[in-house]
N, C-alpha and C. Protein backbone atom coordinates (compact mmCIF):
# COMPACT_ATOMS: atom_id res chain seq x y z
N MET A 1 116.24 121.48 78.74
CA MET A 1 115.43 120.92 77.95
C MET A 1 115.22 120.16 76.69
N LEU A 2 114.68 119.48 76.35
CA LEU A 2 114.60 118.54 75.42
C LEU A 2 114.42 118.90 74.22
N PRO A 3 115.21 118.77 72.93
CA PRO A 3 115.02 119.35 71.85
C PRO A 3 113.99 118.61 71.18
N ASP A 4 113.04 119.82 70.40
CA ASP A 4 111.77 119.27 70.09
C ASP A 4 111.87 118.09 69.06
N ALA A 5 110.94 117.12 69.71
CA ALA A 5 110.92 115.77 68.91
C ALA A 5 109.92 116.05 67.91
N PRO A 6 110.08 115.23 66.46
CA PRO A 6 109.13 115.34 65.67
C PRO A 6 107.67 115.18 65.70
N HIS A 7 106.87 115.88 65.59
CA HIS A 7 105.15 115.74 65.55
C HIS A 7 104.86 114.31 65.27
N ARG A 8 104.31 113.67 66.17
CA ARG A 8 103.51 112.47 65.61
C ARG A 8 102.32 112.47 66.27
N PRO A 9 101.38 112.37 65.32
CA PRO A 9 99.69 112.59 65.30
C PRO A 9 99.33 111.48 66.68
N ASP A 10 98.21 112.02 67.15
CA ASP A 10 97.55 110.86 68.26
C ASP A 10 96.70 110.21 67.08
N LEU A 11 97.09 108.78 67.10
CA LEU A 11 96.03 107.99 66.05
C LEU A 11 94.94 107.21 66.88
N MET A 12 94.88 107.49 68.15
CA MET A 12 93.87 106.75 68.67
C MET A 12 92.61 107.00 68.09
N PRO A 13 91.98 108.28 67.22
CA PRO A 13 91.18 108.06 66.70
C PRO A 13 90.82 107.09 65.91
N ALA A 14 91.79 106.75 64.73
CA ALA A 14 91.74 105.81 64.00
C ALA A 14 91.79 104.31 64.56
N LYS A 15 92.49 104.21 65.97
CA LYS A 15 92.34 103.06 66.24
C LYS A 15 90.96 102.45 66.56
N THR A 16 90.29 103.86 67.42
CA THR A 16 88.61 103.37 67.62
C THR A 16 88.18 102.99 66.32
N VAL A 17 88.09 103.46 65.35
CA VAL A 17 87.36 102.95 64.09
C VAL A 17 87.57 101.71 64.03
N TYR A 18 89.03 101.02 63.90
CA TYR A 18 89.34 100.05 63.35
C TYR A 18 88.79 99.05 64.51
N ALA A 19 88.52 99.48 65.86
CA ALA A 19 87.88 98.66 66.90
C ALA A 19 86.45 98.60 66.68
N LEU A 20 85.66 99.73 66.52
CA LEU A 20 84.07 99.60 65.86
C LEU A 20 84.27 98.37 64.57
N TYR A 21 84.96 98.52 63.58
CA TYR A 21 84.68 97.67 62.63
C TYR A 21 85.00 96.30 62.93
N ALA A 22 85.81 95.96 64.12
CA ALA A 22 86.16 94.54 64.45
C ALA A 22 84.77 94.05 65.13
N ILE A 23 84.32 95.29 66.08
CA ILE A 23 83.07 94.90 66.74
C ILE A 23 81.98 94.51 65.73
N GLY A 24 82.06 95.15 64.50
CA GLY A 24 81.04 95.19 63.30
C GLY A 24 80.77 93.78 62.95
N TYR A 25 81.81 93.13 63.44
CA TYR A 25 81.70 91.39 63.13
C TYR A 25 80.71 90.76 63.61
N LEU A 26 80.60 91.37 64.89
CA LEU A 26 79.12 91.20 65.92
C LEU A 26 77.83 91.80 65.83
N VAL A 27 77.95 93.13 65.94
CA VAL A 27 76.99 94.13 65.83
C VAL A 27 77.36 95.07 64.72
N ALA A 28 76.46 94.97 63.65
CA ALA A 28 76.62 95.78 62.34
C ALA A 28 76.64 97.35 62.56
N LEU A 29 75.85 97.67 63.55
CA LEU A 29 75.64 99.03 63.73
C LEU A 29 76.97 99.71 64.02
N THR A 30 77.88 99.35 64.82
CA THR A 30 79.20 99.81 64.89
C THR A 30 80.03 100.25 63.98
N THR A 31 80.09 99.39 63.09
CA THR A 31 80.64 99.61 61.66
C THR A 31 80.08 101.37 60.76
N VAL A 32 78.72 101.42 61.09
CA VAL A 32 77.78 102.34 60.52
C VAL A 32 78.26 103.46 61.67
N ALA A 33 78.60 103.31 62.77
CA ALA A 33 79.08 104.39 63.67
C ALA A 33 80.42 104.76 63.61
N GLY A 34 81.47 103.64 63.02
CA GLY A 34 83.01 104.00 62.59
C GLY A 34 83.06 104.86 61.67
N VAL A 35 82.27 104.42 60.38
CA VAL A 35 82.39 104.95 59.29
C VAL A 35 81.86 106.86 59.39
N ILE A 36 80.93 106.96 60.14
CA ILE A 36 80.62 108.12 60.44
C ILE A 36 81.95 109.04 61.21
N TYR A 37 82.13 108.21 62.24
CA TYR A 37 83.34 109.22 63.21
C TYR A 37 84.46 109.46 62.16
N ALA A 38 84.86 108.43 60.87
CA ALA A 38 86.06 108.78 60.09
C ALA A 38 85.62 109.85 59.43
N TYR A 39 84.43 109.90 58.75
CA TYR A 39 84.23 111.26 58.01
C TYR A 39 84.24 112.29 58.53
N LEU A 40 83.65 112.57 59.94
CA LEU A 40 83.79 113.68 60.95
C LEU A 40 85.37 114.34 61.45
N THR A 41 85.93 113.38 61.42
CA THR A 41 87.57 113.47 62.38
C THR A 41 88.15 113.69 61.25
N ARG A 42 88.10 113.56 59.87
CA ARG A 42 89.32 113.52 59.03
C ARG A 42 89.70 115.18 58.86
N GLY A 43 90.77 115.15 58.51
CA GLY A 43 91.25 116.51 58.14
C GLY A 43 92.01 117.08 58.71
N LYS A 44 92.82 116.48 59.67
CA LYS A 44 93.17 117.21 60.80
C LYS A 44 94.87 116.83 60.64
N ASP A 45 95.09 115.77 60.06
CA ASP A 45 96.63 115.35 60.10
C ASP A 45 96.86 114.37 58.71
N PRO A 46 97.66 114.52 57.90
CA PRO A 46 97.88 113.54 56.64
C PRO A 46 98.18 112.42 57.02
N LEU A 47 98.68 112.02 58.51
CA LEU A 47 99.07 110.35 58.64
C LEU A 47 97.70 109.69 59.23
N LEU A 48 96.88 110.69 59.69
CA LEU A 48 95.44 110.15 60.01
C LEU A 48 94.58 109.92 59.28
N ASP A 49 94.66 111.16 58.50
CA ASP A 49 93.51 111.13 57.05
C ASP A 49 94.18 109.67 56.43
N SER A 50 95.08 109.12 56.19
CA SER A 50 95.60 108.00 55.40
C SER A 50 95.16 106.99 55.83
N HIS A 51 94.76 106.72 57.29
CA HIS A 51 93.92 105.72 57.88
C HIS A 51 92.56 106.03 57.49
N PHE A 52 91.89 107.33 57.83
CA PHE A 52 90.49 107.30 58.11
C PHE A 52 90.14 107.30 56.09
N ASP A 53 91.01 107.27 54.97
CA ASP A 53 90.38 107.27 53.95
C ASP A 53 90.81 105.71 53.47
N PHE A 54 91.31 105.19 53.99
CA PHE A 54 91.60 103.38 54.15
C PHE A 54 90.37 103.15 54.64
N GLN A 55 89.90 103.55 56.10
CA GLN A 55 88.48 103.06 56.69
C GLN A 55 87.39 103.53 55.91
N ILE A 56 87.27 104.60 55.03
CA ILE A 56 85.90 104.71 54.64
C ILE A 56 86.05 103.84 53.36
N ARG A 57 86.98 103.73 52.59
CA ARG A 57 87.20 102.69 51.54
C ARG A 57 86.54 101.28 51.55
N THR A 58 87.06 101.01 52.92
CA THR A 58 87.01 99.40 53.28
C THR A 58 85.33 99.56 53.37
N PHE A 59 84.70 100.30 54.31
CA PHE A 59 83.14 100.46 54.43
C PHE A 59 82.44 100.57 52.94
N TRP A 60 82.82 101.14 52.13
CA TRP A 60 81.99 101.29 51.00
C TRP A 60 82.31 100.21 49.84
N ILE A 61 83.55 99.61 49.85
CA ILE A 61 83.94 98.22 48.93
C ILE A 61 82.78 97.03 49.81
N SER A 62 83.12 97.05 51.22
CA SER A 62 82.31 96.33 51.80
C SER A 62 80.62 96.12 51.22
N LEU A 63 80.38 97.27 51.56
CA LEU A 63 78.75 97.44 51.06
C LEU A 63 78.49 96.78 49.72
N ALA A 64 79.42 97.10 48.99
CA ALA A 64 79.06 96.98 47.43
C ALA A 64 79.50 95.48 47.41
N ILE A 65 80.33 94.67 47.71
CA ILE A 65 80.64 93.19 48.10
C ILE A 65 79.37 92.34 48.98
N ALA A 66 79.04 92.98 49.99
CA ALA A 66 77.81 92.26 50.47
C ALA A 66 76.64 92.51 49.69
N ALA A 67 76.20 93.46 48.78
CA ALA A 67 75.29 93.65 48.03
C ALA A 67 75.09 92.56 46.82
N LEU A 68 76.45 92.36 46.53
CA LEU A 68 76.73 90.97 45.29
C LEU A 68 76.53 90.13 46.17
N ALA A 69 77.08 89.79 46.99
CA ALA A 69 76.90 88.44 47.59
C ALA A 69 75.19 88.08 48.17
N PHE A 70 74.42 89.44 48.47
CA PHE A 70 73.09 88.79 48.86
C PHE A 70 72.35 88.58 47.71
N ALA A 71 72.93 89.50 46.27
CA ALA A 71 72.17 89.08 45.45
C ALA A 71 72.33 87.81 44.66
N THR A 72 73.38 87.14 45.06
CA THR A 72 73.90 86.35 44.21
C THR A 72 73.74 84.61 45.65
N MET A 73 72.80 84.84 46.48
CA MET A 73 72.55 83.94 47.25
C MET A 73 71.68 82.68 46.57
N VAL A 74 70.85 83.53 45.50
CA VAL A 74 70.05 82.37 45.04
C VAL A 74 70.59 81.29 44.15
N LEU A 75 72.04 81.92 43.35
CA LEU A 75 72.76 80.85 42.50
C LEU A 75 73.59 80.30 43.49
N GLY A 76 73.76 80.35 44.93
CA GLY A 76 74.22 79.70 45.63
C GLY A 76 76.03 79.88 45.84
N ILE A 77 76.41 81.25 44.75
CA ILE A 77 77.60 81.35 45.07
C ILE A 77 77.58 82.57 46.13
N GLY A 78 76.56 83.21 46.93
CA GLY A 78 76.42 84.35 47.72
C GLY A 78 77.29 83.82 49.11
N PHE A 79 77.15 82.43 49.45
CA PHE A 79 78.17 82.25 50.44
C PHE A 79 79.18 82.44 50.66
N LEU A 80 79.74 81.90 49.15
CA LEU A 80 81.20 82.11 49.06
C LEU A 80 81.97 83.35 49.09
N ILE A 81 81.03 84.50 48.78
CA ILE A 81 81.21 85.95 48.39
C ILE A 81 81.30 86.35 49.77
N TRP A 82 80.62 86.02 50.96
CA TRP A 82 80.14 86.30 52.25
C TRP A 82 81.43 85.85 52.78
N ILE A 83 82.01 84.61 52.42
CA ILE A 83 83.13 84.25 53.34
C ILE A 83 84.59 85.01 53.18
N PHE A 84 84.71 85.08 51.70
CA PHE A 84 85.63 86.19 51.11
C PHE A 84 85.31 87.63 51.60
N LEU A 85 84.33 87.93 51.69
CA LEU A 85 83.95 89.35 52.36
C LEU A 85 84.64 89.28 54.00
N ALA A 86 84.18 88.33 54.87
CA ALA A 86 84.46 88.29 56.07
C ALA A 86 86.32 88.36 56.08
N ILE A 87 86.73 87.26 55.54
CA ILE A 87 88.14 87.54 55.63
C ILE A 87 88.94 88.65 55.21
N TRP A 88 88.40 89.16 54.00
CA TRP A 88 89.20 90.71 53.55
C TRP A 88 89.01 91.65 54.13
N GLY A 89 87.64 91.76 54.80
CA GLY A 89 87.44 92.81 55.59
C GLY A 89 88.28 92.37 57.29
N LEU A 90 88.33 91.73 57.62
CA LEU A 90 88.94 91.41 58.92
C LEU A 90 90.44 91.49 58.46
N LEU A 91 91.15 90.86 57.53
CA LEU A 91 92.58 91.55 57.49
C LEU A 91 92.78 92.91 57.11
N ARG A 92 91.91 93.64 56.34
CA ARG A 92 92.34 94.78 56.24
C ARG A 92 92.13 95.79 57.54
N THR A 93 91.10 95.08 58.67
CA THR A 93 91.00 95.75 59.85
C THR A 93 92.38 95.61 60.85
N VAL A 94 92.64 94.52 60.70
CA VAL A 94 94.28 94.11 61.44
C VAL A 94 94.89 94.50 61.02
N SER A 95 95.38 94.85 59.38
CA SER A 95 96.59 95.18 59.18
C SER A 95 96.79 96.57 59.22
N GLY A 96 95.34 97.50 59.17
CA GLY A 96 95.55 98.66 59.54
C GLY A 96 95.99 99.29 60.40
N PHE A 97 95.07 98.52 61.61
CA PHE A 97 95.28 98.69 63.03
C PHE A 97 96.86 98.68 63.48
N LEU A 98 97.56 97.76 63.08
CA LEU A 98 98.67 97.25 63.00
C LEU A 98 99.61 98.39 62.83
N LEU A 99 99.22 99.00 61.70
CA LEU A 99 99.90 100.44 60.97
C LEU A 99 99.65 101.40 62.27
N ALA A 100 98.61 101.59 62.50
CA ALA A 100 98.42 102.90 63.41
C ALA A 100 99.12 102.73 64.79
N HIS A 101 99.21 101.16 65.12
CA HIS A 101 99.63 101.32 66.35
C HIS A 101 101.16 101.45 66.10
N GLU A 102 101.82 101.55 65.20
CA GLU A 102 103.03 101.86 64.83
C GLU A 102 103.48 102.97 64.46
N GLY A 103 102.39 103.77 64.51
CA GLY A 103 102.51 105.20 64.33
C GLY A 103 102.75 105.43 62.71
N LYS A 104 102.59 104.41 61.48
CA LYS A 104 102.55 104.66 60.39
C LYS A 104 101.44 104.76 59.50
N PRO A 105 101.66 105.50 58.36
CA PRO A 105 100.37 105.75 57.45
C PRO A 105 100.30 104.54 56.50
N ILE A 106 99.22 104.54 55.97
CA ILE A 106 98.62 103.62 55.06
C ILE A 106 99.24 104.19 53.78
N THR A 107 100.03 103.61 53.00
CA THR A 107 100.46 103.65 51.60
C THR A 107 99.88 103.22 50.92
N GLY A 108 99.25 102.22 50.66
CA GLY A 108 98.83 101.24 49.65
C GLY A 108 98.53 100.08 49.92
N THR A 109 97.66 98.82 49.63
CA THR A 109 97.41 97.77 49.73
C THR A 109 97.95 96.49 48.53
N ARG A 110 98.14 95.43 49.04
CA ARG A 110 98.51 94.26 48.45
C ARG A 110 97.31 93.10 48.59
N HIS A 111 97.62 92.05 47.82
CA HIS A 111 96.77 90.97 48.22
C HIS A 111 95.43 91.31 47.85
N PHE A 112 94.95 91.59 46.83
CA PHE A 112 93.68 92.00 46.33
C PHE A 112 93.26 92.99 47.42
N GLY A 113 94.05 93.91 47.50
CA GLY A 113 93.43 94.74 48.61
C GLY A 113 93.24 94.40 50.28
N MET A 114 93.46 93.23 50.44
CA MET A 114 93.56 92.43 52.03
C MET A 114 94.34 93.29 52.99
N ILE A 115 95.78 93.72 52.30
CA ILE A 115 96.73 94.15 53.29
C ILE A 115 97.29 95.23 53.49
N ALA A 116 96.93 96.15 54.17
CA ALA A 116 97.65 97.34 54.01
C ALA A 116 99.11 97.69 54.41
N TYR A 117 99.79 98.64 53.64
CA TYR A 117 101.01 98.80 53.59
C TYR A 117 101.39 100.32 54.05
């Protein structure tokens, strides 16, 4: 028999939410499905929860930035905010997915919250 290996949680639920967020760039409803899934699935493992908390924060911060972009469209800067939001959200999604793929928790962010580490 092999000695007991350290428990590594299945991070497929977190990867699924990241995928739903990425698809959300084409079909926004999948982002809502992703955040609902994150809320319903969290609480089972601390490592997995670090990703779910990050994903939930990503959703709510993105919603706030999108509201600001929408409100400032009349001033002409809303389009710049939309571009920032697209890049910001994509970098968060990709960096979070890469950490989940490596089996690592999210311990923080850098570069205006764009990159998870």
